[in-house]
């Protein structure tokens, strides 16, 4: 198979699993929560997650999980990607600070982890 000839949907980790990303009519809130959590787990390791998210945004999709963002509950947050282009900016990953700025929780956590590691390395060197 020639990877260059494949489009991003063919490379997606979710290829062939549409039911996980779009809930059935009458789905209860607990069922929906479990389904979305499982869908996000698939998206987390997907090599085309950002392309998927941008595709859904550009085409005005309002339903389903795209690129790890739950579009049915992400409209307030814009369902975009963070400044680093690594994470979906949905209700689960967006923190809005006191000035109204949208902050990526995943990037913030990674930055804090690097700061702790640097501080620990500094203590060892001393």
N, C-alpha and C. Protein backbone atom coordinates (compact mmCIF):
# COMPACT_ATOMS: atom_id res chain seq x y z
N UNK A 1 0.85 -1.18 0.00
CA UNK A 1 0.00 0.00 0.00
C UNK A 1 0.89 1.24 0.00
N UNK A 2 0.57 2.18 -0.85
CA UNK A 2 1.33 3.42 -0.96
C UNK A 2 0.70 4.46 -0.03
N UNK A 3 1.40 4.81 1.06
CA UNK A 3 0.86 5.75 2.04
C UNK A 3 0.63 7.14 1.47
N UNK A 4 1.42 7.52 0.45
CA UNK A 4 1.27 8.84 -0.14
C UNK A 4 -0.08 8.97 -0.84
N UNK A 5 -0.60 7.87 -1.39
CA UNK A 5 -1.86 7.93 -2.13
C UNK A 5 -3.09 7.90 -1.21
N UNK A 6 -2.90 7.60 0.07
CA UNK A 6 -4.02 7.54 1.00
C UNK A 6 -4.41 8.93 1.48
N UNK A 7 -5.70 9.13 1.69
CA UNK A 7 -6.15 10.39 2.27
C UNK A 7 -6.17 10.22 3.79
N UNK A 8 -6.29 11.33 4.52
CA UNK A 8 -6.20 11.24 5.98
C UNK A 8 -7.26 10.31 6.58
N UNK A 9 -8.51 10.22 6.05
CA UNK A 9 -9.45 9.29 6.68
C UNK A 9 -9.00 7.83 6.63
N UNK A 10 -8.29 7.48 5.57
CA UNK A 10 -7.81 6.10 5.45
C UNK A 10 -6.69 5.80 6.44
N UNK A 11 -6.02 6.83 6.92
CA UNK A 11 -4.93 6.66 7.88
C UNK A 11 -5.40 6.80 9.33
N UNK A 12 -6.65 7.17 9.51
CA UNK A 12 -7.19 7.43 10.84
C UNK A 12 -7.29 6.16 11.68
N UNK A 13 -7.02 6.31 12.96
CA UNK A 13 -7.12 5.18 13.89
C UNK A 13 -8.54 4.67 14.00
N UNK A 14 -9.52 5.48 13.66
CA UNK A 14 -10.93 5.11 13.79
C UNK A 14 -11.51 4.51 12.52
N UNK A 15 -10.74 4.37 11.47
CA UNK A 15 -11.25 3.86 10.20
C UNK A 15 -12.04 2.57 10.43
N UNK A 16 -13.29 2.58 10.01
CA UNK A 16 -14.14 1.41 10.16
C UNK A 16 -14.91 1.32 11.47
N UNK A 17 -14.83 2.35 12.32
CA UNK A 17 -15.51 2.34 13.62
C UNK A 17 -16.43 3.56 13.79
N UNK A 18 -17.34 3.83 12.88
CA UNK A 18 -18.13 5.07 12.99
C UNK A 18 -19.07 5.12 14.18
N UNK A 19 -19.53 3.99 14.67
CA UNK A 19 -20.53 4.00 15.73
C UNK A 19 -19.99 4.53 17.05
N UNK A 20 -18.70 4.45 17.25
CA UNK A 20 -18.09 4.96 18.47
C UNK A 20 -18.08 6.50 18.46
N UNK A 21 -18.07 7.10 17.31
CA UNK A 21 -17.89 8.55 17.18
C UNK A 21 -19.19 9.32 16.95
N UNK A 22 -20.29 8.59 16.73
CA UNK A 22 -21.60 9.21 16.53
C UNK A 22 -22.61 8.41 17.32
N UNK A 23 -23.22 9.03 18.30
CA UNK A 23 -24.16 8.34 19.17
C UNK A 23 -25.49 8.07 18.52
N UNK A 24 -26.16 7.02 18.95
CA UNK A 24 -27.49 6.69 18.42
C UNK A 24 -28.55 7.60 19.02
N UNK A 25 -29.69 7.69 18.36
CA UNK A 25 -30.82 8.42 18.92
C UNK A 25 -31.21 7.78 20.24
N UNK A 26 -31.57 8.58 21.21
CA UNK A 26 -32.02 8.06 22.50
C UNK A 26 -30.89 7.65 23.43
N UNK A 27 -29.67 7.98 23.09
CA UNK A 27 -28.53 7.63 23.94
C UNK A 27 -28.64 8.37 25.27
N UNK A 28 -28.47 7.66 26.38
CA UNK A 28 -28.54 8.31 27.70
C UNK A 28 -27.24 9.05 27.98
N UNK A 29 -27.28 9.96 28.92
CA UNK A 29 -26.08 10.72 29.27
C UNK A 29 -24.93 9.82 29.72
N UNK A 30 -25.14 8.83 30.59
CA UNK A 30 -24.02 7.95 30.97
C UNK A 30 -23.47 7.15 29.79
N UNK A 31 -24.36 6.69 28.91
CA UNK A 31 -23.91 5.96 27.72
C UNK A 31 -23.06 6.87 26.83
N UNK A 32 -23.55 8.09 26.66
CA UNK A 32 -22.83 9.06 25.83
C UNK A 32 -21.45 9.36 26.41
N UNK A 33 -21.40 9.56 27.71
CA UNK A 33 -20.13 9.86 28.37
C UNK A 33 -19.12 8.73 28.13
N UNK A 34 -19.57 7.48 28.30
CA UNK A 34 -18.67 6.33 28.07
C UNK A 34 -18.23 6.25 26.62
N UNK A 35 -19.16 6.47 25.69
CA UNK A 35 -18.83 6.40 24.26
C UNK A 35 -17.82 7.48 23.88
N UNK A 36 -18.06 8.70 24.33
CA UNK A 36 -17.15 9.81 24.00
C UNK A 36 -15.77 9.58 24.61
N UNK A 37 -15.74 9.07 25.84
CA UNK A 37 -14.44 8.79 26.48
C UNK A 37 -13.65 7.76 25.65
N UNK A 38 -14.32 6.70 25.21
CA UNK A 38 -13.67 5.66 24.39
C UNK A 38 -13.21 6.24 23.05
N UNK A 39 -14.05 7.08 22.45
CA UNK A 39 -13.68 7.70 21.18
C UNK A 39 -12.44 8.57 21.35
N UNK A 40 -12.39 9.33 22.43
CA UNK A 40 -11.23 10.19 22.67
C UNK A 40 -9.96 9.38 22.90
N UNK A 41 -10.09 8.20 23.49
CA UNK A 41 -8.93 7.33 23.66
C UNK A 41 -8.37 6.90 22.31
N UNK A 42 -9.27 6.59 21.37
CA UNK A 42 -8.84 6.23 20.02
C UNK A 42 -8.17 7.44 19.36
N UNK A 43 -8.77 8.61 19.48
CA UNK A 43 -8.23 9.82 18.88
C UNK A 43 -6.86 10.20 19.44
N UNK A 44 -6.66 9.94 20.71
CA UNK A 44 -5.41 10.36 21.36
C UNK A 44 -4.18 9.80 20.66
N UNK A 45 -4.26 8.60 20.14
CA UNK A 45 -3.11 8.00 19.46
C UNK A 45 -3.17 8.06 17.95
N UNK A 46 -4.09 8.84 17.41
CA UNK A 46 -4.30 8.87 15.97
C UNK A 46 -3.28 9.79 15.27
N UNK A 47 -2.67 9.30 14.20
CA UNK A 47 -1.67 10.12 13.50
C UNK A 47 -2.26 11.28 12.70
N UNK A 48 -3.57 11.28 12.47
CA UNK A 48 -4.20 12.35 11.68
C UNK A 48 -5.25 13.11 12.50
N UNK A 49 -5.08 13.13 13.80
CA UNK A 49 -6.05 13.76 14.71
C UNK A 49 -6.29 15.23 14.38
N UNK A 50 -5.24 15.99 14.16
CA UNK A 50 -5.40 17.42 13.89
C UNK A 50 -6.07 17.64 12.53
N UNK A 51 -5.71 16.85 11.52
CA UNK A 51 -6.34 16.98 10.20
C UNK A 51 -7.83 16.69 10.30
N UNK A 52 -8.19 15.70 11.09
CA UNK A 52 -9.59 15.33 11.29
C UNK A 52 -10.35 16.48 11.96
N UNK A 53 -9.78 17.03 12.99
CA UNK A 53 -10.40 18.13 13.72
C UNK A 53 -10.60 19.34 12.82
N UNK A 54 -9.58 19.69 12.07
CA UNK A 54 -9.67 20.84 11.17
C UNK A 54 -10.70 20.60 10.07
N UNK A 55 -10.77 19.38 9.55
CA UNK A 55 -11.75 19.03 8.53
C UNK A 55 -13.16 19.27 9.05
N UNK A 56 -13.42 18.82 10.26
CA UNK A 56 -14.76 18.98 10.85
C UNK A 56 -15.08 20.45 11.08
N UNK A 57 -14.11 21.21 11.54
CA UNK A 57 -14.34 22.65 11.76
C UNK A 57 -14.60 23.38 10.45
N UNK A 58 -13.77 23.10 9.44
CA UNK A 58 -13.89 23.78 8.16
C UNK A 58 -15.22 23.47 7.47
N UNK A 59 -15.79 22.30 7.76
CA UNK A 59 -17.03 21.89 7.12
C UNK A 59 -18.26 22.12 7.99
N UNK A 60 -18.07 22.77 9.14
CA UNK A 60 -19.19 23.16 9.99
C UNK A 60 -19.93 22.01 10.66
N UNK A 61 -19.23 20.91 10.92
CA UNK A 61 -19.89 19.78 11.57
C UNK A 61 -20.30 20.16 12.99
N UNK A 62 -21.45 19.67 13.42
CA UNK A 62 -21.98 19.99 14.74
C UNK A 62 -22.24 18.74 15.57
N UNK A 63 -21.95 17.58 15.03
CA UNK A 63 -22.20 16.32 15.74
C UNK A 63 -21.01 15.39 15.62
N UNK A 64 -20.84 14.57 16.63
CA UNK A 64 -19.81 13.54 16.59
C UNK A 64 -18.52 13.96 17.28
N UNK A 65 -17.64 12.99 17.38
CA UNK A 65 -16.30 13.23 17.94
C UNK A 65 -15.35 13.27 16.75
N UNK A 66 -14.68 14.38 16.60
CA UNK A 66 -13.74 14.59 15.50
C UNK A 66 -12.40 15.05 16.08
N UNK A 67 -11.34 14.33 15.80
CA UNK A 67 -10.02 14.73 16.29
C UNK A 67 -9.95 14.84 17.80
N UNK A 68 -10.78 14.08 18.49
CA UNK A 68 -10.77 14.10 19.94
C UNK A 68 -11.69 15.14 20.56
N UNK A 69 -12.34 15.94 19.73
CA UNK A 69 -13.26 16.97 20.24
C UNK A 69 -14.70 16.50 20.07
N UNK A 70 -15.48 16.66 21.10
CA UNK A 70 -16.90 16.32 21.08
C UNK A 70 -17.64 17.53 20.54
N UNK A 71 -18.00 17.50 19.26
CA UNK A 71 -18.59 18.67 18.62
C UNK A 71 -19.97 19.03 19.15
N UNK A 72 -20.67 18.11 19.76
CA UNK A 72 -21.99 18.43 20.30
C UNK A 72 -21.87 19.28 21.56
N UNK A 73 -20.73 19.26 22.22
CA UNK A 73 -20.53 20.04 23.44
C UNK A 73 -19.33 20.98 23.35
N UNK A 74 -18.82 21.19 22.14
CA UNK A 74 -17.62 22.00 21.98
C UNK A 74 -17.85 23.35 21.35
N UNK A 75 -19.08 23.67 21.01
CA UNK A 75 -19.31 24.91 20.29
C UNK A 75 -18.88 26.13 21.08
N UNK A 76 -19.08 26.12 22.38
CA UNK A 76 -18.66 27.24 23.23
C UNK A 76 -17.15 27.43 23.17
N UNK A 77 -16.42 26.34 23.06
CA UNK A 77 -14.97 26.39 23.10
C UNK A 77 -14.35 26.51 21.72
N UNK A 78 -15.14 26.47 20.68
CA UNK A 78 -14.63 26.64 19.33
C UNK A 78 -14.11 25.36 18.71
N UNK A 79 -13.95 24.29 19.48
CA UNK A 79 -13.50 23.01 18.98
C UNK A 79 -12.27 23.12 18.09
N UNK A 80 -11.42 24.07 18.37
CA UNK A 80 -10.20 24.22 17.59
C UNK A 80 -9.05 23.43 18.19
N UNK A 81 -7.88 23.75 17.76
CA UNK A 81 -6.69 23.13 18.33
C UNK A 81 -5.92 24.19 19.10
N UNK A 82 -5.08 23.74 20.00
CA UNK A 82 -4.29 24.67 20.81
C UNK A 82 -3.25 25.39 19.94
N UNK A 83 -2.62 26.38 20.52
CA UNK A 83 -1.61 27.16 19.78
C UNK A 83 -0.49 26.29 19.23
N UNK A 84 -0.18 25.22 19.93
CA UNK A 84 0.89 24.32 19.49
C UNK A 84 0.41 23.33 18.43
N UNK A 85 -0.90 23.33 18.16
CA UNK A 85 -1.45 22.43 17.15
C UNK A 85 -1.44 20.97 17.56
N UNK A 86 -1.45 20.71 18.87
CA UNK A 86 -1.32 19.34 19.35
C UNK A 86 -2.58 18.77 19.98
N UNK A 87 -3.45 19.62 20.53
CA UNK A 87 -4.58 19.14 21.31
C UNK A 87 -5.88 19.83 20.91
N UNK A 88 -6.97 19.08 21.01
CA UNK A 88 -8.29 19.64 20.75
C UNK A 88 -8.65 20.59 21.88
N UNK A 89 -9.20 21.74 21.53
CA UNK A 89 -9.61 22.72 22.53
C UNK A 89 -11.12 22.59 22.76
N UNK A 90 -11.50 21.55 23.48
CA UNK A 90 -12.91 21.34 23.80
C UNK A 90 -13.11 21.57 25.28
N UNK A 91 -14.33 21.28 25.76
CA UNK A 91 -14.64 21.60 27.16
C UNK A 91 -13.77 20.84 28.15
N UNK A 92 -13.28 19.68 27.76
CA UNK A 92 -12.47 18.88 28.67
C UNK A 92 -11.03 19.38 28.74
N UNK A 93 -10.55 20.00 27.69
CA UNK A 93 -9.15 20.41 27.65
C UNK A 93 -8.96 21.93 27.69
N UNK A 94 -10.01 22.70 27.75
CA UNK A 94 -9.88 24.15 27.73
C UNK A 94 -10.09 24.74 29.11
N UNK A 95 -9.16 25.55 29.51
CA UNK A 95 -9.30 26.31 30.74
C UNK A 95 -9.38 27.77 30.32
N UNK A 96 -10.36 28.49 30.81
CA UNK A 96 -10.50 29.91 30.48
C UNK A 96 -10.05 30.69 31.71
N UNK A 97 -8.98 31.46 31.54
CA UNK A 97 -8.42 32.18 32.68
C UNK A 97 -9.25 33.41 33.01
N UNK A 98 -8.84 34.14 34.03
CA UNK A 98 -9.59 35.30 34.51
C UNK A 98 -9.74 36.41 33.49
N UNK A 99 -8.86 36.44 32.48
CA UNK A 99 -8.93 37.45 31.44
C UNK A 99 -9.70 36.97 30.21
N UNK A 100 -10.24 35.75 30.28
CA UNK A 100 -11.01 35.21 29.17
C UNK A 100 -10.19 34.52 28.11
N UNK A 101 -8.90 34.31 28.36
CA UNK A 101 -8.05 33.62 27.40
C UNK A 101 -8.25 32.12 27.50
N UNK A 102 -8.27 31.45 26.35
CA UNK A 102 -8.40 30.00 26.31
C UNK A 102 -7.01 29.38 26.47
N UNK A 103 -6.86 28.51 27.47
CA UNK A 103 -5.58 27.86 27.76
C UNK A 103 -5.74 26.36 27.57
N UNK A 104 -4.77 25.73 26.91
CA UNK A 104 -4.77 24.29 26.69
C UNK A 104 -4.29 23.59 27.97
N UNK A 105 -5.17 22.81 28.60
CA UNK A 105 -4.81 22.11 29.83
C UNK A 105 -3.67 21.12 29.59
N UNK A 106 -3.70 20.41 28.46
CA UNK A 106 -2.66 19.41 28.18
C UNK A 106 -1.29 20.06 28.04
N UNK A 107 -1.21 21.17 27.32
CA UNK A 107 0.07 21.87 27.18
C UNK A 107 0.51 22.47 28.51
N UNK A 108 -0.44 22.98 29.28
CA UNK A 108 -0.13 23.55 30.58
C UNK A 108 0.44 22.47 31.50
N UNK A 109 -0.17 21.28 31.48
CA UNK A 109 0.32 20.16 32.29
C UNK A 109 1.70 19.71 31.86
N UNK A 110 1.95 19.66 30.55
CA UNK A 110 3.26 19.25 30.05
C UNK A 110 4.33 20.28 30.44
N UNK A 111 3.97 21.56 30.37
CA UNK A 111 4.91 22.62 30.74
C UNK A 111 5.25 22.52 32.23
N UNK A 112 4.25 22.26 33.06
CA UNK A 112 4.48 22.13 34.50
C UNK A 112 5.35 20.92 34.78
N UNK A 113 5.15 19.83 34.05
CA UNK A 113 5.98 18.64 34.23
C UNK A 113 7.43 18.90 33.88
N UNK A 114 7.66 19.66 32.79
CA UNK A 114 9.04 20.00 32.40
C UNK A 114 9.68 20.89 33.46
N UNK A 115 8.90 21.82 34.03
CA UNK A 115 9.43 22.71 35.07
C UNK A 115 9.83 21.93 36.31
N UNK A 116 9.00 20.96 36.71
CA UNK A 116 9.33 20.12 37.87
C UNK A 116 10.58 19.29 37.61
N UNK A 117 10.70 18.76 36.39
CA UNK A 117 11.87 17.94 36.05
C UNK A 117 13.14 18.79 36.06
N UNK A 118 13.04 20.03 35.55
CA UNK A 118 14.20 20.92 35.54
C UNK A 118 14.59 21.29 36.96
N UNK A 119 13.61 21.53 37.83
CA UNK A 119 13.90 21.87 39.21
C UNK A 119 14.56 20.70 39.92
N UNK A 120 14.07 19.49 39.67
CA UNK A 120 14.67 18.30 40.28
C UNK A 120 16.10 18.10 39.81
N UNK A 121 16.34 18.33 38.52
CA UNK A 121 17.70 18.20 37.98
C UNK A 121 18.62 19.24 38.60
N UNK A 122 18.10 20.45 38.84
CA UNK A 122 18.89 21.52 39.46
C UNK A 122 19.26 21.15 40.90
N UNK A 123 18.34 20.52 41.61
CA UNK A 123 18.62 20.10 43.00
C UNK A 123 19.69 19.00 43.02
N UNK A 124 19.66 18.09 42.06
CA UNK A 124 20.65 17.02 41.99
C UNK A 124 22.03 17.58 41.70
N UNK A 125 22.09 18.61 40.82
CA UNK A 125 23.35 19.19 40.43
C UNK A 125 23.99 19.98 41.58
N UNK A 126 23.18 20.47 42.49
CA UNK A 126 23.68 21.32 43.59
C UNK A 126 24.32 20.53 44.69
